[in-house]
C-alpha atoms as a PDB file:
ATOM      1  CA  MET A   1      -9.046 -12.906 -14.586  1.00  0.00           C
ATOM      2  CA  GLN A   2      -7.546 -13.494 -11.197  1.00  0.00           C
ATOM      3  CA  THR A   3      -9.378 -13.998  -8.053  1.00  0.00           C
ATOM      4  CA  TYR A   4      -8.223 -13.703  -4.370  1.00  0.00           C
ATOM      5  CA  GLN A   5      -9.240 -15.411  -1.201  1.00  0.00           C
ATOM      6  CA  VAL A   6      -8.572 -14.521   2.253  1.00  0.00           C
ATOM      7  CA  ARG A   7     -10.255 -15.879   5.542  1.00  0.00           C
ATOM      8  CA  VAL A   8     -10.519 -13.678   8.562  1.00  0.00           C
ATOM      9  CA  GLU A   9     -11.505 -14.917  11.962  1.00  0.00           C
ATOM     10  CA  ARG A  10     -12.241 -13.248  15.272  1.00  0.00           C
ATOM     11  CA  VAL A  11      -9.634 -14.253  17.832  1.00  0.00           C
ATOM     12  CA  ASP A  12     -10.858 -12.239  20.707  1.00  0.00           C
ATOM     13  CA  ALA A  13     -12.561  -8.923  21.405  1.00  0.00           C
ATOM     14  CA  GLN A  14      -9.280  -7.115  20.420  1.00  0.00           C
ATOM     15  CA  HIS A  15      -8.028  -9.127  17.560  1.00  0.00           C
ATOM     16  CA  ALA A  16      -8.700 -10.807  14.282  1.00  0.00           C
ATOM     17  CA  ARG A  17      -6.383 -13.099  12.281  1.00  0.00           C
ATOM     18  CA  ALA A  18      -6.296 -13.249   8.528  1.00  0.00           C
ATOM     19  CA  PHE A  19      -5.193 -16.519   6.658  1.00  0.00           C
ATOM     20  CA  VAL A  20      -3.948 -16.991   3.170  1.00  0.00           C
ATOM     21  CA  ARG A  21      -2.350 -20.204   1.952  1.00  0.00           C
ATOM     22  CA  SER A  22       0.037 -20.908   4.950  1.00  0.00           C
ATOM     23  CA  TYR A  23       0.273 -17.469   6.316  1.00  0.00           C
ATOM     24  CA  ALA A  24      -1.185 -15.634   8.860  1.00  0.00           C
ATOM     25  CA  LEU A  25      -1.522 -11.872   9.875  1.00  0.00           C
ATOM     26  CA  GLU A  26      -2.682 -10.671  13.286  1.00  0.00           C
ATOM     27  CA  LEU A  27      -4.883  -7.597  13.193  1.00  0.00           C
ATOM     28  CA  GLY A  28      -6.559  -5.201  15.548  1.00  0.00           C
ATOM     29  CA  ALA A  29     -10.129  -5.446  15.688  1.00  0.00           C
ATOM     30  CA  ARG A  30     -11.156  -3.119  18.525  1.00  0.00           C
ATOM     31  CA  ARG A  31     -12.307   0.328  17.495  1.00  0.00           C
ATOM     32  CA  ALA A  32      -9.610   3.099  18.534  1.00  0.00           C
ATOM     33  CA  ASP A  33      -7.470   0.594  20.357  1.00  0.00           C
ATOM     34  CA  THR A  34      -3.955   1.560  19.176  1.00  0.00           C
ATOM     35  CA  GLU A  35      -2.507  -1.256  21.155  1.00  0.00           C
ATOM     36  CA  ALA A  36      -4.202  -4.272  19.442  1.00  0.00           C
ATOM     37  CA  GLY A  37      -2.006  -4.074  16.261  1.00  0.00           C
ATOM     38  CA  PHE A  38      -2.745  -2.743  12.762  1.00  0.00           C
ATOM     39  CA  ASN A  39      -6.337  -1.565  12.519  1.00  0.00           C
ATOM     40  CA  PRO A  40      -8.272  -2.074   9.292  1.00  0.00           C
ATOM     41  CA  VAL A  41      -7.394   1.435   7.853  1.00  0.00           C
ATOM     42  CA  GLU A  42      -3.725   0.837   8.449  1.00  0.00           C
ATOM     43  CA  THR A  43      -4.060  -2.665   7.032  1.00  0.00           C
ATOM     44  CA  LEU A  44      -5.439  -0.951   3.888  1.00  0.00           C
ATOM     45  CA  LEU A  45      -2.531   1.457   3.717  1.00  0.00           C
ATOM     46  CA  ALA A  46      -0.126  -1.122   4.334  1.00  0.00           C
ATOM     47  CA  ALA A  47      -1.548  -3.405   1.488  1.00  0.00           C
ATOM     48  CA  THR A  48      -1.528  -0.226  -0.711  1.00  0.00           C
ATOM     49  CA  GLY A  49       2.220   0.399  -0.099  1.00  0.00           C
ATOM     50  CA  ALA A  50       3.027  -3.336  -0.435  1.00  0.00           C
ATOM     51  CA  CYS A  51       1.187  -3.329  -3.867  1.00  0.00           C
ATOM     52  CA  LEU A  52       2.866  -0.236  -5.120  1.00  0.00           C
ATOM     53  CA  LEU A  53       6.370  -1.497  -3.939  1.00  0.00           C
ATOM     54  CA  THR A  54       5.621  -4.887  -5.768  1.00  0.00           C
ATOM     55  CA  SER A  55       4.633  -3.115  -8.850  1.00  0.00           C
ATOM     56  CA  LEU A  56       7.668  -0.791  -8.741  1.00  0.00           C
ATOM     57  CA  GLN A  57      10.062  -3.714  -8.377  1.00  0.00           C
ATOM     58  CA  PHE A  58       8.304  -5.449 -11.275  1.00  0.00           C
ATOM     59  CA  VAL A  59       8.532  -2.465 -13.529  1.00  0.00           C
ATOM     60  CA  ALA A  60      12.279  -1.911 -12.491  1.00  0.00           C
ATOM     61  CA  GLU A  61      13.132  -5.445 -13.503  1.00  0.00           C
ATOM     62  CA  THR A  62      11.376  -5.477 -16.647  1.00  0.00           C
ATOM     63  CA  SER A  63      12.489  -2.079 -17.805  1.00  0.00           C
ATOM     64  CA  ARG A  64      16.002  -2.753 -16.579  1.00  0.00           C
ATOM     65  CA  ILE A  65      16.169   0.324 -14.295  1.00  0.00           C
ATOM     66  CA  PRO A  66      18.292   0.080 -11.280  1.00  0.00           C
ATOM     67  CA  LEU A  67      16.746   0.131  -7.981  1.00  0.00           C
ATOM     68  CA  ASP A  68      18.722   0.029  -4.896  1.00  0.00           C
ATOM     69  CA  ASP A  69      16.118   0.602  -2.467  1.00  0.00           C
ATOM     70  CA  ALA A  70      12.460   1.892  -2.113  1.00  0.00           C
ATOM     71  CA  ARG A  71       9.942   2.599   0.718  1.00  0.00           C
ATOM     72  CA  VAL A  72       6.754   4.318   0.700  1.00  0.00           C
ATOM     73  CA  GLU A  73       5.079   6.398   3.458  1.00  0.00           C
ATOM     74  CA  LEU A  74       1.147   6.520   3.344  1.00  0.00           C
ATOM     75  CA  GLU A  75      -1.293   8.884   5.227  1.00  0.00           C
ATOM     76  CA  ALA A  76      -5.142   8.644   5.176  1.00  0.00           C
ATOM     77  CA  THR A  77      -7.710  11.132   6.200  1.00  0.00           C
ATOM     78  CA  ARG A  78     -10.855   9.813   7.501  1.00  0.00           C
ATOM     79  CA  GLN A  79     -14.220  11.607   8.158  1.00  0.00           C
ATOM     80  CA  ASP A  80     -16.707  10.457  10.893  1.00  0.00           C
ATOM     81  CA  LYS A  81     -20.072  10.614   9.198  1.00  0.00           C
ATOM     82  CA  PRO A  82     -20.270   8.776   7.133  1.00  0.00           C
ATOM     83  CA  PRO A  83     -17.093   6.741   8.187  1.00  0.00           C
ATOM     84  CA  ILE A  84     -15.103   6.874   4.927  1.00  0.00           C
ATOM     85  CA  LEU A  85     -11.576   7.759   3.881  1.00  0.00           C
ATOM     86  CA  THR A  86     -11.629  11.023   2.012  1.00  0.00           C
ATOM     87  CA  ARG A  87      -7.929  11.265   0.917  1.00  0.00           C
ATOM     88  CA  ILE A  88      -4.778   8.961   0.837  1.00  0.00           C
ATOM     89  CA  HIS A  89      -1.303  10.525   0.180  1.00  0.00           C
ATOM     90  CA  TYR A  90       1.713   8.738  -0.201  1.00  0.00           C
ATOM     91  CA  ASN A  91       5.384   9.551  -0.604  1.00  0.00           C
ATOM     92  CA  LEU A  92       8.004   7.290  -2.632  1.00  0.00           C
ATOM     93  CA  HIS A  93      11.489   7.302  -1.461  1.00  0.00           C
ATOM     94  CA  LEU A  94      13.560   5.782  -4.190  1.00  0.00           C
ATOM     95  CA  GLN A  95      17.526   4.897  -4.008  1.00  0.00           C
ATOM     96  CA  SER A  96      18.687   4.632  -7.737  1.00  0.00           C
ATOM     97  CA  PRO A  97      21.567   5.693  -9.779  1.00  0.00           C
ATOM     98  CA  ALA A  98      19.052   6.112 -12.873  1.00  0.00           C
ATOM     99  CA  PRO A  99      18.354   9.508 -14.459  1.00  0.00           C
ATOM    100  CA  GLN A 100      15.496  11.431 -13.241  1.00  0.00           C
ATOM    101  CA  GLU A 101      13.290  11.108 -16.367  1.00  0.00           C
ATOM    102  CA  ARG A 102      13.860   7.146 -16.314  1.00  0.00           C
ATOM    103  CA  LEU A 103      12.675   7.003 -12.619  1.00  0.00           C
ATOM    104  CA  GLN A 104       9.640   9.295 -13.592  1.00  0.00           C
ATOM    105  CA  GLN A 105       8.654   6.604 -16.117  1.00  0.00           C
ATOM    106  CA  LEU A 106       9.277   3.960 -13.465  1.00  0.00           C
ATOM    107  CA  VAL A 107       6.947   5.734 -11.177  1.00  0.00           C
ATOM    108  CA  ALA A 108       4.304   6.194 -13.594  1.00  0.00           C
ATOM    109  CA  LEU A 109       4.286   2.633 -14.781  1.00  0.00           C
ATOM    110  CA  ALA A 110       4.326   1.267 -11.360  1.00  0.00           C
ATOM    111  CA  GLN A 111       1.323   3.357 -10.366  1.00  0.00           C
ATOM    112  CA  ARG A 112      -0.719   2.136 -13.520  1.00  0.00           C
ATOM    113  CA  ASN A 113       0.165  -1.460 -12.688  1.00  0.00           C
ATOM    114  CA  SER A 114      -0.703  -1.299  -8.855  1.00  0.00           C
ATOM    115  CA  THR A 115      -3.956  -3.207  -8.633  1.00  0.00           C
ATOM    116  CA  VAL A 116      -4.663  -1.803  -5.096  1.00  0.00           C
ATOM    117  CA  LEU A 117      -3.670   1.794  -5.875  1.00  0.00           C
ATOM    118  CA  GLN A 118      -5.810   1.782  -9.045  1.00  0.00           C
ATOM    119  CA  THR A 119      -8.800   0.256  -7.173  1.00  0.00           C
ATOM    120  CA  LEU A 120      -8.540   2.866  -4.404  1.00  0.00           C
ATOM    121  CA  ALA A 121      -8.189   5.765  -6.733  1.00  0.00           C
ATOM    122  CA  GLN A 122     -11.673   4.944  -7.988  1.00  0.00           C
ATOM    123  CA  ALA A 123     -13.107   5.645  -4.552  1.00  0.00           C
ATOM    124  CA  VAL A 124     -11.015   8.164  -2.819  1.00  0.00           C
ATOM    125  CA  GLU A 125      -8.826  11.225  -3.597  1.00  0.00           C
ATOM    126  CA  LEU A 126      -5.449   9.632  -4.013  1.00  0.00           C
ATOM    127  CA  GLU A 127      -2.099  11.568  -4.542  1.00  0.00           C
ATOM    128  CA  GLY A 128       1.393  10.669  -4.547  1.00  0.00           C
ATOM    129  CA  THR A 129       4.742  12.063  -4.695  1.00  0.00           C
ATOM    130  CA  TRP A 130       8.277  10.667  -5.164  1.00  0.00           C
ATOM    131  CA  GLU A 131      11.844  11.651  -4.412  1.00  0.00           C
ATOM    132  CA  VAL A 132      15.376  10.171  -4.924  1.00  0.00           C
ATOM    133  CA  VAL A 133      17.100   9.706  -1.585  1.00  0.00           C
ATOM    134  CA  PRO A 134      20.713   9.188  -1.057  1.00  0.00           C
END
């Protein structure tokens, strides 16, 4: 079993800073302030995308599937009362010369091995698509 530890501190009325090992991440901490930086939901989506891309890279390397590039776009839908995310949709864009069926296997394995994606799938409607881009 693995554990994770992050420390988050209030910087000022608009910002928080997260710390892990020797790294820091500045976050927006004022509700509805689009100028303060990544808000908590955007940070969650970024973490989800990063986890999926990490898993994708790991599976591509271990399966020897060539992966020239990858990016993921995520979108969340939030309801106000109670304030929860009701849906997260993502679209993976892959650049690879591998055949379509190999890429389908790659994506399926990456989804199953993404800790954050699997965790969120237990709490919110989660759907994803993927495509090969030139």
